[in-house]
Amino acid sequence: MSTCVLVETGEEDPVVSVATLVSGLIGDASDKLAAECGALLEAGKFADAMGKIMAHGAKLFADASDKDLEAAVLILGGTAQRLPAADAAACLEKLVAEALSSTERGAMRATLLFQLYNMQADAAARFATLTKILAYVKQAKLGALVDPLARHVEENYTTWNLDAKATRALLRDIFTMLSETHGAVDPNGVAATRVLELRLKYLNTFAAGEALDAAGEEVATAAVVSFIQAKDMMFRCDILGYPAVQALKATKSAPVLELLSTLLTADGVDAFAAFAKKNGALFKQLGLDEVECAGKMKLLALCGLAESAVGSGGQVTYAQVAAALSCGEGEVEGWIVRAIGARLVEAKMDQVRGVAVVTRVTHRVFGEQQWKDLAASVESWRENLAGVGQAIAKSVATGNATLTKEAVAV
């Protein structure tokens, strides 16, 4: 590797400095390249000068030191930005193409690609470069760059005015790379959570009634499986509300939707047992533990029972719980404790009377009916607050600062 060092003196044109560097790398002792580039620059022909330099781009990217290579790219790219848009784009594209030409020094090339990406003013060109960076990072096996690249995509993809097809392709590339980088991970870990979130963003590009293609079916199925595997599944999202998940009904993966619906909407464990009997092979096929799913079904059935009880005093008997969970009454308290520990319900148990009083429950689904119930509760609170305000105003008007219990009763 050459020991040439790119040093800007303040007197020589920076582009000529790059040409001088390249001259050293190619063994041009006469500095003919630098002289020719200098003449072209004096004539205002930067694109031609860059063309001469980039004719030896492979040597520059292969043999220049990291410091010199980065400086050269910044000088050439920065100078190109002063040109008319079309000329600037063409010059930057030459630099991008050369950076992509080899996976040798992959990390350095990827760094330069990110810098060139940031130099591009045209949104379409930036996106085109980003897709090339994604492919390059995968090809060069630069696993350390996958996480920051994924975060950049997550934070910015909605601003790139992509259509649904392009958005899906981009998100699919990102969560596939994350999955491959992290390998088999804890379904409740940070990496698995990020992949699920990206899959859900992918699924969110499907409109109601839109059919799934093969890729969409695969992603929807994977998202459902990840959701079911998560210990905190009830706090992830209202997955049944995604049109793409509902669209599984019209695919060969319909049993996956049926399993999810059974877990989230069935009234008791009997429905799950019937599903498992009919689709026993499905659990192994999806990589799910049938026994673990059955345990989740018991907790979710308890949530369903608690939901119906909250609106009528919140009291459920141990016998009701035992029936819903298909378990003995001696096991009821254990399941209630597990539900409380999982933050699915808040309840107090009365062992003497054999009842549990539920004060709060996490809804298994949050659809149209739940929104209506929430709206009714909010309206009731508004009316109550209005009553309190009127009582206070009346007190102030009459000079009676004491608000009786009856005046503010709601």
Protein backbone atom coordinates (compact mmCIF):
# COMPACT_ATOMS: atom_id res chain seq x y z
CA MET A 1 0.00 0.00 0.00
CA SER A 2 1.25 3.49 -0.86
CA THR A 3 2.46 5.75 1.92
CA CYS A 4 1.21 8.92 0.18
CA VAL A 5 -0.54 11.27 2.54
CA LEU A 6 -3.18 13.73 1.38
CA VAL A 7 -2.40 17.10 2.95
CA GLU A 8 -4.29 20.28 2.12
CA THR A 9 -1.88 23.26 2.15
CA GLY A 10 -4.50 25.91 1.54
CA GLU A 11 -2.84 26.95 -1.72
CA GLU A 12 -3.43 23.94 -3.99
CA ASP A 13 -6.92 23.13 -5.24
CA PRO A 14 -8.18 20.22 -3.06
CA VAL A 15 -9.19 18.29 -6.17
CA VAL A 16 -5.65 18.60 -7.53
CA SER A 17 -4.47 17.23 -4.17
CA VAL A 18 -6.64 14.18 -4.79
CA ALA A 19 -5.18 13.85 -8.31
CA THR A 20 -1.68 14.05 -6.82
CA LEU A 21 -2.58 11.31 -4.35
CA VAL A 22 -3.82 9.08 -7.16
CA SER A 23 -0.71 9.84 -9.20
CA GLY A 24 1.36 8.45 -6.36
CA LEU A 25 -0.81 5.37 -6.09
CA ILE A 26 -0.50 4.53 -9.79
CA GLY A 27 3.24 5.28 -9.96
CA ASP A 28 2.89 8.45 -12.05
CA ALA A 29 6.19 10.05 -11.05
CA SER A 30 5.69 12.94 -13.47
CA ASP A 31 2.37 13.94 -11.88
CA LYS A 32 0.84 14.01 -15.36
CA LEU A 33 -2.60 13.21 -13.93
CA ALA A 34 -2.42 16.10 -11.47
CA ALA A 35 -1.33 18.51 -14.21
CA GLU A 36 -4.15 17.44 -16.54
CA CYS A 37 -6.74 17.73 -13.78
CA GLY A 38 -5.43 21.17 -12.83
CA ALA A 39 -5.83 22.38 -16.42
CA LEU A 40 -9.36 21.01 -16.60
CA LEU A 41 -10.30 22.69 -13.34
CA GLU A 42 -8.95 26.03 -14.57
CA ALA A 43 -11.20 25.58 -17.61
CA GLY A 44 -14.18 24.94 -15.31
CA LYS A 45 -14.46 21.29 -16.31
CA PHE A 46 -14.72 19.62 -12.91
CA ALA A 47 -16.71 16.65 -14.23
CA ASP A 48 -13.96 15.86 -16.73
CA ALA A 49 -11.28 16.18 -14.06
CA MET A 50 -13.21 13.85 -11.80
CA GLY A 51 -13.61 11.42 -14.69
CA LYS A 52 -9.83 11.24 -15.05
CA ILE A 53 -9.39 10.66 -11.32
CA MET A 54 -12.14 8.03 -11.16
CA ALA A 55 -10.58 6.17 -14.08
CA HIS A 56 -8.21 5.02 -11.35
CA GLY A 57 -10.96 4.74 -8.73
CA ALA A 58 -10.28 1.07 -8.08
CA LYS A 59 -6.69 1.89 -7.12
CA LEU A 60 -7.81 4.80 -4.92
CA PHE A 61 -10.35 2.70 -3.02
CA ALA A 62 -8.02 -0.29 -2.74
CA ASP A 63 -4.68 1.27 -1.80
CA ALA A 64 -5.18 4.72 -0.25
CA SER A 65 -5.05 4.86 3.54
CA ASP A 66 -8.38 5.16 5.32
CA LYS A 67 -7.66 8.79 6.14
CA ASP A 68 -6.66 9.67 2.58
CA LEU A 69 -9.54 7.77 1.02
CA GLU A 70 -12.11 9.45 3.24
CA ALA A 71 -10.60 12.87 2.56
CA ALA A 72 -10.57 12.23 -1.20
CA VAL A 73 -14.22 11.17 -1.25
CA LEU A 74 -15.27 14.15 0.87
CA ILE A 75 -13.35 16.53 -1.41
CA LEU A 76 -14.71 15.09 -4.64
CA GLY A 77 -18.24 14.69 -3.31
CA GLY A 78 -18.29 18.10 -1.66
CA THR A 79 -17.01 19.83 -4.80
CA ALA A 80 -19.55 17.97 -6.94
CA GLN A 81 -22.37 19.43 -4.86
CA ARG A 82 -21.54 22.89 -6.26
CA LEU A 83 -22.31 21.76 -9.80
CA PRO A 84 -25.69 21.83 -11.57
CA ALA A 85 -27.97 19.12 -10.20
CA ALA A 86 -27.56 16.68 -13.09
CA ASP A 87 -23.76 16.95 -13.11
CA ALA A 88 -23.59 16.67 -9.32
CA ALA A 89 -25.74 13.53 -9.37
CA ALA A 90 -23.57 11.94 -12.05
CA CYS A 91 -20.35 12.65 -10.13
CA LEU A 92 -21.73 11.31 -6.87
CA GLU A 93 -23.01 8.22 -8.65
CA LYS A 94 -19.48 7.49 -9.89
CA LEU A 95 -18.21 7.58 -6.32
CA VAL A 96 -21.07 5.36 -5.14
CA ALA A 97 -20.43 2.84 -7.90
CA GLU A 98 -16.74 2.63 -7.05
CA ALA A 99 -17.46 2.20 -3.34
CA LEU A 100 -19.80 -0.68 -4.18
CA SER A 101 -17.35 -2.38 -6.55
CA SER A 102 -15.71 -4.62 -3.92
CA THR A 103 -16.29 -5.96 -0.42
CA GLU A 104 -12.61 -5.54 0.47
CA ARG A 105 -12.33 -2.92 3.20
CA GLY A 106 -16.08 -3.31 3.52
CA ALA A 107 -16.54 -1.29 6.71
CA MET A 108 -14.63 1.66 5.26
CA ARG A 109 -16.55 1.53 2.00
CA ALA A 110 -19.85 1.38 3.88
CA THR A 111 -18.85 4.47 5.88
CA LEU A 112 -18.14 6.32 2.65
CA LEU A 113 -21.42 5.16 1.14
CA PHE A 114 -23.30 6.67 4.09
CA GLN A 115 -21.43 9.95 3.58
CA LEU A 116 -22.27 9.98 -0.12
CA TYR A 117 -25.89 9.15 0.69
CA ASN A 118 -26.03 12.24 2.92
CA MET A 119 -24.57 14.41 0.15
CA GLN A 120 -27.34 13.60 -2.32
CA ALA A 121 -30.04 16.25 -2.54
CA ASP A 122 -32.57 14.36 -4.66
CA ALA A 123 -34.88 12.16 -2.59
CA ALA A 124 -35.16 9.50 -5.28
CA ALA A 125 -31.38 9.32 -5.65
CA ARG A 126 -30.94 9.09 -1.88
CA PHE A 127 -33.39 6.21 -1.67
CA ALA A 128 -31.69 4.44 -4.58
CA THR A 129 -28.36 4.75 -2.79
CA LEU A 130 -29.87 3.53 0.47
CA THR A 131 -31.16 0.36 -1.18
CA LYS A 132 -27.67 -0.22 -2.59
CA ILE A 133 -26.19 0.27 0.88
CA LEU A 134 -28.61 -2.31 2.29
CA ALA A 135 -27.57 -4.82 -0.34
CA TYR A 136 -23.89 -4.03 0.20
CA VAL A 137 -24.07 -4.39 3.98
CA LYS A 138 -25.68 -7.79 3.50
CA GLN A 139 -23.21 -8.87 0.81
CA ALA A 140 -20.17 -7.74 2.83
CA LYS A 141 -21.59 -9.34 6.00
CA LEU A 142 -21.27 -6.12 8.00
CA GLY A 143 -23.49 -7.21 10.87
CA ALA A 144 -22.37 -4.35 13.12
CA LEU A 145 -23.97 -1.86 10.74
CA VAL A 146 -27.38 -3.53 10.55
CA ASP A 147 -28.80 -2.08 13.79
CA PRO A 148 -27.94 1.59 13.08
CA LEU A 149 -29.08 1.20 9.48
CA ALA A 150 -32.38 -0.29 10.66
CA ARG A 151 -32.91 2.60 13.09
CA HIS A 152 -32.28 5.10 10.29
CA VAL A 153 -34.86 3.41 8.09
CA GLU A 154 -37.41 3.23 10.93
CA GLU A 155 -37.03 6.92 11.69
CA ASN A 156 -37.15 8.17 8.10
CA TYR A 157 -38.98 5.82 5.71
CA THR A 158 -42.32 7.62 6.08
CA THR A 159 -40.74 10.84 4.76
CA TRP A 160 -39.50 9.29 1.50
CA ASN A 161 -42.90 9.27 -0.24
CA LEU A 162 -42.63 5.58 -1.14
CA ASP A 163 -45.56 3.63 -2.51
CA ALA A 164 -46.78 0.54 -0.68
CA LYS A 165 -44.72 -1.85 -2.80
CA ALA A 166 -41.45 0.01 -2.20
CA THR A 167 -42.21 0.44 1.50
CA ARG A 168 -42.82 -3.28 1.91
CA ALA A 169 -39.62 -4.19 0.07
CA LEU A 170 -37.59 -1.81 2.23
CA LEU A 171 -39.06 -2.94 5.55
CA ARG A 172 -38.75 -6.58 4.54
CA ASP A 173 -35.06 -6.11 3.74
CA ILE A 174 -34.49 -4.47 7.12
CA PHE A 175 -36.26 -6.99 9.36
CA THR A 176 -34.80 -9.89 7.36
CA MET A 177 -31.30 -8.51 7.90
CA LEU A 178 -31.99 -8.00 11.60
CA SER A 179 -33.26 -11.57 11.91
CA GLU A 180 -30.23 -12.98 10.10
CA THR A 181 -27.82 -10.85 12.11
CA HIS A 182 -29.20 -11.80 15.51
CA GLY A 183 -30.02 -15.41 14.60
CA ALA A 184 -32.19 -17.45 16.97
CA VAL A 185 -33.07 -14.97 19.71
CA ASP A 186 -35.18 -14.85 22.82
CA PRO A 187 -38.75 -14.19 21.58
CA ASN A 188 -39.08 -11.74 24.46
CA GLY A 189 -35.77 -9.97 23.83
CA VAL A 190 -35.08 -6.56 22.34
CA ALA A 191 -34.10 -7.91 18.91
CA ALA A 192 -37.28 -9.99 18.57
CA THR A 193 -39.37 -6.99 19.64
CA ARG A 194 -37.78 -4.78 16.98
CA VAL A 195 -38.35 -7.39 14.28
CA LEU A 196 -42.01 -7.72 15.30
CA GLU A 197 -42.47 -3.95 15.25
CA LEU A 198 -41.02 -3.76 11.73
CA ARG A 199 -43.21 -6.64 10.57
CA LEU A 200 -46.25 -4.83 11.92
CA LYS A 201 -45.23 -1.67 10.05
CA TYR A 202 -44.98 -3.82 6.93
CA LEU A 203 -48.44 -5.25 7.54
CA ASN A 204 -49.81 -1.77 8.17
CA THR A 205 -49.27 -0.97 4.47
CA PHE A 206 -52.15 -3.31 3.53
CA ALA A 207 -55.57 -1.69 3.25
CA ALA A 208 -58.79 -3.28 4.46
CA GLY A 209 -59.91 -5.91 1.97
CA GLU A 210 -56.53 -6.05 0.22
CA ALA A 211 -55.42 -9.61 -0.54
CA LEU A 212 -52.08 -10.88 0.68
CA ASP A 213 -49.42 -11.98 -1.75
CA ALA A 214 -47.05 -14.81 -0.80
CA ALA A 215 -44.64 -12.42 0.93
CA GLY A 216 -47.43 -10.73 2.85
CA GLU A 217 -48.80 -14.09 4.00
CA GLU A 218 -45.35 -15.12 5.21
CA VAL A 219 -44.83 -11.87 7.14
CA ALA A 220 -48.32 -11.93 8.66
CA THR A 221 -47.82 -15.52 9.82
CA ALA A 222 -44.41 -14.70 11.32
CA ALA A 223 -45.86 -11.66 13.11
CA VAL A 224 -48.67 -13.74 14.64
CA VAL A 225 -46.21 -16.39 15.83
CA SER A 226 -43.92 -13.74 17.38
CA PHE A 227 -46.92 -12.14 19.06
CA ILE A 228 -48.08 -15.45 20.55
CA GLN A 229 -44.58 -16.30 21.77
CA ALA A 230 -44.17 -13.00 23.62
CA LYS A 231 -44.81 -13.12 27.36
CA ASP A 232 -46.25 -9.61 27.24
CA MET A 233 -48.31 -10.24 24.10
CA MET A 234 -51.30 -8.37 25.48
CA PHE A 235 -49.25 -5.18 25.73
CA ARG A 236 -47.71 -5.32 22.24
CA CYS A 237 -50.55 -4.30 19.94
CA ASP A 238 -54.11 -5.06 18.89
CA ILE A 239 -52.88 -7.50 16.26
CA LEU A 240 -56.34 -8.72 15.29
CA GLY A 241 -57.11 -5.17 14.18
CA TYR A 242 -54.62 -5.34 11.31
CA PRO A 243 -56.39 -5.89 7.96
CA ALA A 244 -53.41 -7.92 6.76
CA VAL A 245 -53.79 -10.32 9.67
CA GLN A 246 -57.49 -10.71 8.95
CA ALA A 247 -56.59 -11.33 5.31
CA LEU A 248 -54.91 -14.60 6.36
CA LYS A 249 -58.43 -16.03 6.34
CA ALA A 250 -58.31 -16.23 2.54
CA THR A 251 -54.91 -17.98 2.44
CA LYS A 252 -53.55 -21.42 3.22
CA SER A 253 -52.43 -19.95 6.55
CA ALA A 254 -56.02 -19.47 7.71
CA PRO A 255 -55.46 -21.84 10.70
CA VAL A 256 -52.89 -19.33 12.03
CA LEU A 257 -55.57 -16.67 12.17
CA GLU A 258 -57.97 -19.17 13.75
CA LEU A 259 -55.43 -19.92 16.49
CA LEU A 260 -54.92 -16.22 17.20
CA SER A 261 -58.67 -15.56 17.25
CA THR A 262 -59.21 -18.50 19.58
CA LEU A 263 -56.65 -17.17 22.04
CA LEU A 264 -57.98 -13.61 21.98
CA THR A 265 -61.74 -14.02 21.63
CA ALA A 266 -62.82 -17.51 22.79
CA ASP A 267 -64.93 -17.67 25.97
CA GLY A 268 -63.08 -20.57 27.53
CA VAL A 269 -60.38 -23.18 27.32
CA ASP A 270 -62.70 -25.70 25.66
CA ALA A 271 -62.50 -23.74 22.40
CA PHE A 272 -58.70 -23.96 22.44
CA ALA A 273 -58.81 -27.69 23.19
CA ALA A 274 -61.10 -28.22 20.20
CA PHE A 275 -58.79 -26.21 17.95
CA ALA A 276 -55.71 -28.13 19.14
CA LYS A 277 -57.42 -31.45 18.53
CA LYS A 278 -58.24 -30.44 14.96
CA ASN A 279 -54.89 -28.74 14.20
CA GLY A 280 -52.38 -30.57 16.39
CA ALA A 281 -49.59 -30.48 13.78
CA LEU A 282 -49.84 -26.71 13.40
CA PHE A 283 -48.04 -25.93 16.66
CA LYS A 284 -44.93 -27.87 15.67
CA GLN A 285 -45.08 -26.43 12.18
CA LEU A 286 -45.05 -22.87 13.59
CA GLY A 287 -42.48 -23.60 16.28
CA LEU A 288 -45.00 -23.05 19.08
CA ASP A 289 -45.24 -25.02 22.32
CA GLU A 290 -48.79 -26.36 22.56
CA VAL A 291 -48.63 -26.67 26.36
CA GLU A 292 -47.39 -23.10 26.71
CA CYS A 293 -50.15 -21.88 24.40
CA ALA A 294 -52.70 -23.75 26.52
CA GLY A 295 -51.41 -21.94 29.60
CA LYS A 296 -51.78 -18.60 27.85
CA MET A 297 -55.29 -19.59 26.84
CA LYS A 298 -56.19 -20.07 30.51
CA LEU A 299 -54.90 -16.60 31.40
CA LEU A 300 -56.70 -15.04 28.45
CA ALA A 301 -59.92 -16.90 29.27
CA LEU A 302 -59.64 -15.45 32.77
CA CYS A 303 -59.27 -11.99 31.20
CA GLY A 304 -62.40 -12.60 29.14
CA LEU A 305 -64.36 -13.58 32.23
CA ALA A 306 -63.02 -10.55 34.11
CA GLU A 307 -63.99 -8.22 31.26
CA SER A 308 -67.62 -9.28 31.50
CA ALA A 309 -67.56 -8.97 35.30
CA VAL A 310 -66.06 -5.46 35.52
CA GLY A 311 -69.19 -3.87 34.12
CA SER A 312 -71.40 -5.52 36.74
CA GLY A 313 -69.55 -5.03 40.00
CA GLY A 314 -66.38 -6.91 39.10
CA GLN A 315 -67.21 -10.04 41.09
CA VAL A 316 -66.49 -13.52 39.72
CA THR A 317 -66.86 -16.77 41.64
CA TYR A 318 -64.21 -19.42 41.84
CA ALA A 319 -66.69 -21.79 40.24
CA GLN A 320 -67.02 -19.48 37.21
CA VAL A 321 -63.24 -19.26 36.88
CA ALA A 322 -62.87 -23.04 37.17
CA ALA A 323 -65.45 -23.56 34.43
CA ALA A 324 -63.86 -21.02 32.06
CA LEU A 325 -60.37 -22.43 32.62
CA SER A 326 -61.42 -26.10 32.71
CA CYS A 327 -59.56 -26.58 35.98
CA GLY A 328 -60.35 -27.59 39.54
CA GLU A 329 -61.45 -24.95 42.04
CA GLY A 330 -58.29 -25.66 43.99
CA GLU A 331 -56.26 -24.28 41.06
CA VAL A 332 -58.26 -21.07 40.67
CA GLU A 333 -56.30 -18.89 43.07
CA GLY A 334 -53.03 -19.93 41.44
CA TRP A 335 -54.27 -18.79 38.03
CA ILE A 336 -55.58 -15.51 39.43
CA VAL A 337 -52.20 -14.85 41.06
CA ARG A 338 -50.47 -15.56 37.73
CA ALA A 339 -52.81 -13.16 35.94
CA ILE A 340 -52.12 -10.47 38.53
CA GLY A 341 -48.37 -11.08 38.23
CA ALA A 342 -48.60 -10.70 34.45
CA ARG A 343 -50.44 -7.37 34.94
CA LEU A 344 -53.45 -8.74 33.10
CA VAL A 345 -55.86 -8.10 35.97
CA GLU A 346 -56.05 -6.36 39.30
CA ALA A 347 -58.21 -8.26 41.77
CA LYS A 348 -58.70 -9.14 45.41
CA MET A 349 -59.57 -12.69 46.42
CA ASP A 350 -62.06 -13.56 49.15
CA GLN A 351 -61.28 -17.16 50.09
CA VAL A 352 -64.16 -17.37 52.55
CA ARG A 353 -66.81 -16.51 49.96
CA GLY A 354 -64.89 -18.09 47.07
CA VAL A 355 -65.00 -14.95 44.92
CA ALA A 356 -62.54 -12.55 43.29
CA VAL A 357 -63.36 -8.86 42.90
CA VAL A 358 -61.78 -7.48 39.72
CA THR A 359 -60.98 -3.75 39.63
CA ARG A 360 -59.10 -3.65 36.33
CA VAL A 361 -58.55 -5.97 33.38
CA THR A 362 -56.47 -5.79 30.21
CA HIS A 363 -58.70 -6.24 27.18
CA ARG A 364 -57.71 -9.14 24.97
CA VAL A 365 -58.68 -7.11 21.92
CA PHE A 366 -59.40 -3.42 21.56
CA GLY A 367 -61.78 -3.07 18.68
CA GLU A 368 -64.86 -1.04 17.82
CA GLN A 369 -66.87 -2.09 20.88
CA GLN A 370 -64.01 -1.27 23.23
CA TRP A 371 -63.65 2.18 21.68
CA LYS A 372 -67.38 2.76 22.15
CA ASP A 373 -67.14 1.72 25.79
CA LEU A 374 -64.16 4.03 26.31
CA ALA A 375 -66.01 6.91 24.65
CA ALA A 376 -68.98 6.33 26.95
CA SER A 377 -66.71 6.37 30.01
CA VAL A 378 -65.02 9.58 28.88
CA GLU A 379 -68.41 11.22 28.30
CA SER A 380 -69.53 10.16 31.77
CA TRP A 381 -66.39 11.68 33.30
CA ARG A 382 -67.03 14.92 31.41
CA GLU A 383 -70.56 15.09 32.75
CA ASN A 384 -69.33 14.44 36.27
CA LEU A 385 -66.70 17.16 36.02
CA ALA A 386 -69.27 19.57 34.63
CA GLY A 387 -71.48 18.83 37.64
CA VAL A 388 -68.63 19.55 40.03
CA GLY A 389 -67.92 22.82 38.20
CA GLN A 390 -71.53 23.90 38.45
CA ALA A 391 -71.62 23.08 42.16
CA ILE A 392 -68.48 25.14 42.79
CA ALA A 393 -69.86 28.07 40.76
CA LYS A 394 -73.11 27.95 42.74
CA SER A 395 -71.16 27.91 46.02
CA VAL A 396 -69.13 30.94 44.98
CA ALA A 397 -72.24 32.81 43.83
CA THR A 398 -74.11 32.22 47.10
CA GLY A 399 -71.09 32.87 49.31
CA ASN A 400 -71.31 29.35 50.73
CA ALA A 401 -67.76 27.96 50.50
CA THR A 402 -68.78 24.58 51.85
CA LEU A 403 -69.64 22.07 49.21
CA THR A 404 -71.96 19.46 50.60
CA LYS A 405 -71.51 15.86 49.66
CA GLU A 406 -74.84 15.99 47.86
CA ALA A 407 -73.77 19.02 45.77
CA VAL A 408 -70.89 17.21 44.16
CA ALA A 409 -72.33 13.72 44.13
CA VAL A 410 -72.00 12.13 40.71
